[in-house]
Amino acid sequence: MLGPMRLLPLFLPAALLLSCAQPDPHSTEAHDRKRFGLLAKFDRFDYNGNGKLTRAEIEQGIRESDVGGVNREELDAAMRFYDVNRDGSISRWEAERGLDRPLPGHS
């Protein structure tokens, strides 16, 4: 019979692999984390509290968050992607709906 110290080398590789495993990025849990993160940012950037994000609010949120690397073209693309009804703002419904849609050029 092998003692506990002799079994350790057999279990260690499996334990290390399991500890490094990434959760499925398409799982329900991953989707829920994305939804929670998006809505937290949405609420933070909705400065007037009307349940919609304007481009100006998004730009202000980006500036105040010290987020770098977002250029005008990327912001234009995000507005086109999320603003489904083309009213110039992104509602909570539109933001949540965007999580369920594939990004343009990605399947």
N, C-alpha and C. Protein backbone atom coordinates (compact mmCIF):
# COMPACT_ATOMS: atom_id res chain seq x y z
N MET A 1 0.85 -1.19 0.00
CA MET A 1 0.00 0.00 0.00
C MET A 1 0.89 1.25 0.00
N LEU A 2 0.54 2.22 -0.82
CA LEU A 2 1.31 3.45 -0.90
C LEU A 2 0.87 4.41 0.19
N GLY A 3 1.83 5.01 0.86
CA GLY A 3 1.52 5.99 1.90
C GLY A 3 1.14 7.32 1.26
N PRO A 4 0.61 8.25 2.05
CA PRO A 4 0.17 9.54 1.53
C PRO A 4 1.28 10.31 0.83
N MET A 5 2.49 10.24 1.33
CA MET A 5 3.60 10.98 0.71
C MET A 5 3.97 10.39 -0.65
N ARG A 6 3.76 9.10 -0.84
CA ARG A 6 4.07 8.47 -2.12
C ARG A 6 2.98 8.77 -3.14
N LEU A 7 1.76 9.03 -2.68
CA LEU A 7 0.66 9.34 -3.60
C LEU A 7 0.69 10.79 -4.07
N LEU A 8 1.31 11.66 -3.29
CA LEU A 8 1.35 13.08 -3.63
C LEU A 8 1.85 13.34 -5.05
N PRO A 9 2.96 12.72 -5.50
CA PRO A 9 3.40 12.99 -6.87
C PRO A 9 2.37 12.56 -7.92
N LEU A 10 1.52 11.61 -7.62
CA LEU A 10 0.51 11.17 -8.57
C LEU A 10 -0.63 12.17 -8.67
N PHE A 11 -0.98 12.81 -7.57
CA PHE A 11 -2.10 13.74 -7.56
C PHE A 11 -1.71 15.18 -7.89
N LEU A 12 -0.47 15.53 -7.68
CA LEU A 12 -0.03 16.90 -7.88
C LEU A 12 -0.26 17.41 -9.30
N PRO A 13 0.14 16.67 -10.35
CA PRO A 13 -0.11 17.19 -11.70
C PRO A 13 -1.59 17.42 -11.98
N ALA A 14 -2.45 16.51 -11.56
CA ALA A 14 -3.88 16.68 -11.78
C ALA A 14 -4.40 17.90 -11.02
N ALA A 15 -3.95 18.08 -9.79
CA ALA A 15 -4.39 19.22 -8.99
C ALA A 15 -3.94 20.54 -9.62
N LEU A 16 -2.72 20.57 -10.13
CA LEU A 16 -2.22 21.80 -10.77
C LEU A 16 -3.01 22.11 -12.04
N LEU A 17 -3.31 21.10 -12.83
CA LEU A 17 -4.09 21.32 -14.04
C LEU A 17 -5.49 21.84 -13.72
N LEU A 18 -6.11 21.25 -12.72
CA LEU A 18 -7.44 21.71 -12.34
C LEU A 18 -7.42 23.13 -11.80
N SER A 19 -6.38 23.48 -11.06
CA SER A 19 -6.33 24.83 -10.49
C SER A 19 -6.07 25.88 -11.57
N CYS A 20 -5.49 25.49 -12.69
CA CYS A 20 -5.21 26.43 -13.77
C CYS A 20 -6.32 26.48 -14.80
N ALA A 21 -7.27 25.59 -14.70
CA ALA A 21 -8.34 25.52 -15.71
C ALA A 21 -9.15 26.80 -15.70
N GLN A 22 -9.41 27.31 -16.86
CA GLN A 22 -10.24 28.50 -17.00
C GLN A 22 -11.69 28.08 -17.19
N PRO A 23 -12.62 28.80 -16.59
CA PRO A 23 -14.02 28.46 -16.80
C PRO A 23 -14.39 28.69 -18.26
N ASP A 24 -15.40 27.99 -18.70
CA ASP A 24 -15.88 28.12 -20.07
C ASP A 24 -16.35 29.56 -20.29
N PRO A 25 -15.74 30.29 -21.26
CA PRO A 25 -16.13 31.69 -21.47
C PRO A 25 -17.55 31.84 -21.98
N HIS A 26 -18.17 30.74 -22.38
CA HIS A 26 -19.55 30.79 -22.88
C HIS A 26 -20.53 30.18 -21.90
N SER A 27 -20.08 29.90 -20.69
CA SER A 27 -20.96 29.29 -19.69
C SER A 27 -21.95 30.32 -19.17
N THR A 28 -22.97 29.83 -18.51
CA THR A 28 -23.96 30.71 -17.89
C THR A 28 -23.30 31.60 -16.86
N GLU A 29 -22.36 31.04 -16.10
CA GLU A 29 -21.68 31.83 -15.07
C GLU A 29 -20.87 32.96 -15.68
N ALA A 30 -20.16 32.67 -16.78
CA ALA A 30 -19.36 33.71 -17.45
C ALA A 30 -20.28 34.79 -18.01
N HIS A 31 -21.39 34.39 -18.59
CA HIS A 31 -22.35 35.35 -19.14
C HIS A 31 -22.92 36.23 -18.03
N ASP A 32 -23.23 35.62 -16.89
CA ASP A 32 -23.76 36.39 -15.77
C ASP A 32 -22.74 37.39 -15.24
N ARG A 33 -21.46 37.00 -15.20
CA ARG A 33 -20.41 37.93 -14.76
C ARG A 33 -20.29 39.10 -15.73
N LYS A 34 -20.37 38.82 -17.03
CA LYS A 34 -20.30 39.90 -18.02
C LYS A 34 -21.49 40.84 -17.87
N ARG A 35 -22.67 40.27 -17.69
CA ARG A 35 -23.89 41.08 -17.53
C ARG A 35 -23.76 41.96 -16.28
N PHE A 36 -23.32 41.39 -15.17
CA PHE A 36 -23.16 42.15 -13.94
C PHE A 36 -22.16 43.29 -14.14
N GLY A 37 -21.01 42.99 -14.77
CA GLY A 37 -20.00 44.01 -15.01
C GLY A 37 -20.50 45.12 -15.92
N LEU A 38 -21.22 44.73 -16.97
CA LEU A 38 -21.75 45.72 -17.90
C LEU A 38 -22.75 46.63 -17.20
N LEU A 39 -23.65 46.06 -16.44
CA LEU A 39 -24.67 46.87 -15.78
C LEU A 39 -24.08 47.76 -14.69
N ALA A 40 -23.03 47.29 -14.03
CA ALA A 40 -22.37 48.13 -13.04
C ALA A 40 -21.75 49.36 -13.73
N LYS A 41 -21.08 49.13 -14.86
CA LYS A 41 -20.51 50.27 -15.62
C LYS A 41 -21.63 51.16 -16.16
N PHE A 42 -22.69 50.53 -16.65
CA PHE A 42 -23.82 51.29 -17.19
C PHE A 42 -24.33 52.26 -16.13
N ASP A 43 -24.60 51.75 -14.94
CA ASP A 43 -25.13 52.59 -13.87
C ASP A 43 -24.13 53.67 -13.47
N ARG A 44 -22.85 53.34 -13.49
CA ARG A 44 -21.83 54.31 -13.12
C ARG A 44 -21.73 55.45 -14.13
N PHE A 45 -21.89 55.12 -15.42
CA PHE A 45 -21.76 56.12 -16.48
C PHE A 45 -23.07 56.88 -16.73
N ASP A 46 -24.18 56.39 -16.22
CA ASP A 46 -25.48 57.05 -16.43
C ASP A 46 -25.59 58.22 -15.45
N TYR A 47 -24.90 59.30 -15.77
CA TYR A 47 -24.75 60.42 -14.84
C TYR A 47 -26.07 61.11 -14.51
N ASN A 48 -27.00 61.17 -15.45
CA ASN A 48 -28.27 61.84 -15.14
C ASN A 48 -29.33 60.85 -14.65
N GLY A 49 -29.01 59.57 -14.59
CA GLY A 49 -29.90 58.57 -14.02
C GLY A 49 -31.17 58.30 -14.80
N ASN A 50 -31.14 58.56 -16.10
CA ASN A 50 -32.36 58.35 -16.89
C ASN A 50 -32.45 56.96 -17.52
N GLY A 51 -31.50 56.09 -17.22
CA GLY A 51 -31.54 54.72 -17.75
C GLY A 51 -31.02 54.60 -19.17
N LYS A 52 -30.38 55.65 -19.66
CA LYS A 52 -29.79 55.63 -21.01
C LYS A 52 -28.41 56.25 -20.94
N LEU A 53 -27.53 55.76 -21.82
CA LEU A 53 -26.20 56.34 -21.94
C LEU A 53 -26.10 57.09 -23.25
N THR A 54 -25.73 58.36 -23.14
CA THR A 54 -25.44 59.13 -24.35
C THR A 54 -23.95 58.98 -24.65
N ARG A 55 -23.59 59.40 -25.82
CA ARG A 55 -22.17 59.37 -26.19
C ARG A 55 -21.37 60.24 -25.23
N ALA A 56 -21.91 61.39 -24.87
CA ALA A 56 -21.21 62.30 -23.95
C ALA A 56 -21.00 61.63 -22.58
N GLU A 57 -21.99 60.90 -22.09
CA GLU A 57 -21.84 60.21 -20.81
C GLU A 57 -20.77 59.12 -20.90
N ILE A 58 -20.75 58.40 -22.02
CA ILE A 58 -19.74 57.36 -22.20
C ILE A 58 -18.35 57.97 -22.27
N GLU A 59 -18.21 59.06 -23.00
CA GLU A 59 -16.92 59.74 -23.09
C GLU A 59 -16.48 60.25 -21.72
N GLN A 60 -17.40 60.82 -20.95
CA GLN A 60 -17.08 61.28 -19.61
C GLN A 60 -16.67 60.11 -18.72
N GLY A 61 -17.38 59.00 -18.80
CA GLY A 61 -17.05 57.82 -18.01
C GLY A 61 -15.68 57.27 -18.36
N ILE A 62 -15.36 57.27 -19.63
CA ILE A 62 -14.04 56.79 -20.08
C ILE A 62 -12.95 57.70 -19.52
N ARG A 63 -13.16 59.01 -19.61
CA ARG A 63 -12.17 59.97 -19.09
C ARG A 63 -11.99 59.79 -17.58
N GLU A 64 -13.08 59.71 -16.85
CA GLU A 64 -13.00 59.63 -15.39
C GLU A 64 -12.47 58.29 -14.92
N SER A 65 -12.57 57.27 -15.75
CA SER A 65 -12.06 55.94 -15.39
C SER A 65 -10.62 55.75 -15.80
N ASP A 66 -10.04 56.74 -16.44
CA ASP A 66 -8.67 56.65 -16.94
C ASP A 66 -8.48 55.46 -17.88
N VAL A 67 -9.49 55.19 -18.67
CA VAL A 67 -9.39 54.13 -19.66
C VAL A 67 -8.68 54.70 -20.87
N GLY A 68 -7.62 54.05 -21.27
CA GLY A 68 -6.87 54.53 -22.42
C GLY A 68 -7.11 53.67 -23.64
N GLY A 69 -6.78 54.19 -24.78
CA GLY A 69 -6.80 53.41 -26.00
C GLY A 69 -8.15 53.30 -26.70
N VAL A 70 -9.16 54.04 -26.24
CA VAL A 70 -10.44 54.03 -26.94
C VAL A 70 -10.47 55.23 -27.86
N ASN A 71 -10.45 54.94 -29.15
CA ASN A 71 -10.45 56.06 -30.10
C ASN A 71 -11.87 56.34 -30.62
N ARG A 72 -12.00 57.41 -31.35
CA ARG A 72 -13.31 57.87 -31.85
C ARG A 72 -13.99 56.79 -32.70
N GLU A 73 -13.22 56.11 -33.54
CA GLU A 73 -13.79 55.08 -34.40
C GLU A 73 -14.36 53.91 -33.59
N GLU A 74 -13.65 53.51 -32.53
CA GLU A 74 -14.15 52.43 -31.68
C GLU A 74 -15.41 52.83 -30.94
N LEU A 75 -15.46 54.07 -30.49
CA LEU A 75 -16.66 54.55 -29.82
C LEU A 75 -17.83 54.65 -30.81
N ASP A 76 -17.55 55.10 -32.03
CA ASP A 76 -18.59 55.13 -33.07
C ASP A 76 -19.13 53.72 -33.33
N ALA A 77 -18.22 52.75 -33.43
CA ALA A 77 -18.63 51.36 -33.68
C ALA A 77 -19.45 50.82 -32.52
N ALA A 78 -19.07 51.15 -31.30
CA ALA A 78 -19.84 50.69 -30.13
C ALA A 78 -21.23 51.30 -30.13
N MET A 79 -21.32 52.56 -30.45
CA MET A 79 -22.65 53.20 -30.51
C MET A 79 -23.51 52.55 -31.59
N ARG A 80 -22.94 52.28 -32.75
CA ARG A 80 -23.71 51.62 -33.82
C ARG A 80 -24.16 50.23 -33.39
N PHE A 81 -23.28 49.50 -32.69
CA PHE A 81 -23.58 48.14 -32.28
C PHE A 81 -24.69 48.10 -31.22
N TYR A 82 -24.57 48.93 -30.20
CA TYR A 82 -25.51 48.87 -29.08
C TYR A 82 -26.78 49.67 -29.30
N ASP A 83 -26.72 50.80 -29.99
CA ASP A 83 -27.89 51.67 -30.16
C ASP A 83 -28.80 51.11 -31.25
N VAL A 84 -29.56 50.11 -30.89
CA VAL A 84 -30.39 49.38 -31.85
C VAL A 84 -31.46 50.27 -32.48
N ASN A 85 -32.11 51.11 -31.69
CA ASN A 85 -33.19 51.94 -32.23
C ASN A 85 -32.71 53.27 -32.81
N ARG A 86 -31.42 53.48 -32.79
CA ARG A 86 -30.78 54.65 -33.41
C ARG A 86 -31.31 55.99 -32.88
N ASP A 87 -31.53 56.03 -31.54
CA ASP A 87 -31.99 57.28 -30.95
C ASP A 87 -30.85 58.11 -30.38
N GLY A 88 -29.61 57.65 -30.57
CA GLY A 88 -28.45 58.40 -30.10
C GLY A 88 -28.05 58.07 -28.67
N SER A 89 -28.72 57.10 -28.07
CA SER A 89 -28.35 56.68 -26.72
C SER A 89 -28.50 55.17 -26.61
N ILE A 90 -27.94 54.62 -25.55
CA ILE A 90 -27.99 53.17 -25.32
C ILE A 90 -28.80 52.93 -24.05
N SER A 91 -29.92 52.25 -24.19
CA SER A 91 -30.74 51.93 -23.03
C SER A 91 -30.17 50.70 -22.33
N ARG A 92 -30.64 50.44 -21.13
CA ARG A 92 -30.21 49.22 -20.42
C ARG A 92 -30.56 47.99 -21.23
N TRP A 93 -31.75 47.99 -21.83
CA TRP A 93 -32.17 46.85 -22.64
C TRP A 93 -31.21 46.65 -23.81
N GLU A 94 -30.84 47.74 -24.48
CA GLU A 94 -29.91 47.62 -25.60
C GLU A 94 -28.55 47.12 -25.14
N ALA A 95 -28.09 47.60 -23.99
CA ALA A 95 -26.80 47.15 -23.46
C ALA A 95 -26.84 45.66 -23.15
N GLU A 96 -27.90 45.20 -22.48
CA GLU A 96 -28.01 43.78 -22.16
C GLU A 96 -28.16 42.94 -23.43
N ARG A 97 -28.92 43.42 -24.37
CA ARG A 97 -29.11 42.71 -25.63
C ARG A 97 -27.79 42.53 -26.37
N GLY A 98 -26.92 43.51 -26.25
CA GLY A 98 -25.62 43.45 -26.91
C GLY A 98 -24.76 42.29 -26.42
N LEU A 99 -24.97 41.89 -25.17
CA LEU A 99 -24.21 40.75 -24.65
C LEU A 99 -24.58 39.46 -25.34
N ASP A 100 -25.79 39.39 -25.87
CA ASP A 100 -26.27 38.16 -26.50
C ASP A 100 -26.02 38.13 -28.01
N ARG A 101 -25.50 39.23 -28.54
CA ARG A 101 -25.23 39.30 -29.98
C ARG A 101 -23.75 39.13 -30.25
N PRO A 102 -23.41 38.42 -31.32
CA PRO A 102 -21.99 38.34 -31.68
C PRO A 102 -21.49 39.70 -32.17
N LEU A 103 -20.26 40.00 -31.84
CA LEU A 103 -19.66 41.24 -32.33
C LEU A 103 -19.49 41.16 -33.84
N PRO A 104 -19.62 42.27 -34.55
CA PRO A 104 -19.42 42.23 -35.99
C PRO A 104 -18.03 41.68 -36.32
N GLY A 105 -18.00 40.75 -37.25
CA GLY A 105 -16.74 40.15 -37.67
C GLY A 105 -16.29 39.02 -36.79
N HIS A 106 -17.07 38.66 -35.76
CA HIS A 106 -16.76 37.55 -34.86
C HIS A 106 -17.95 36.62 -34.80
N SER A 107 -17.67 35.35 -34.90
CA SER A 107 -18.79 34.39 -34.82
C SER A 107 -18.63 33.50 -33.62
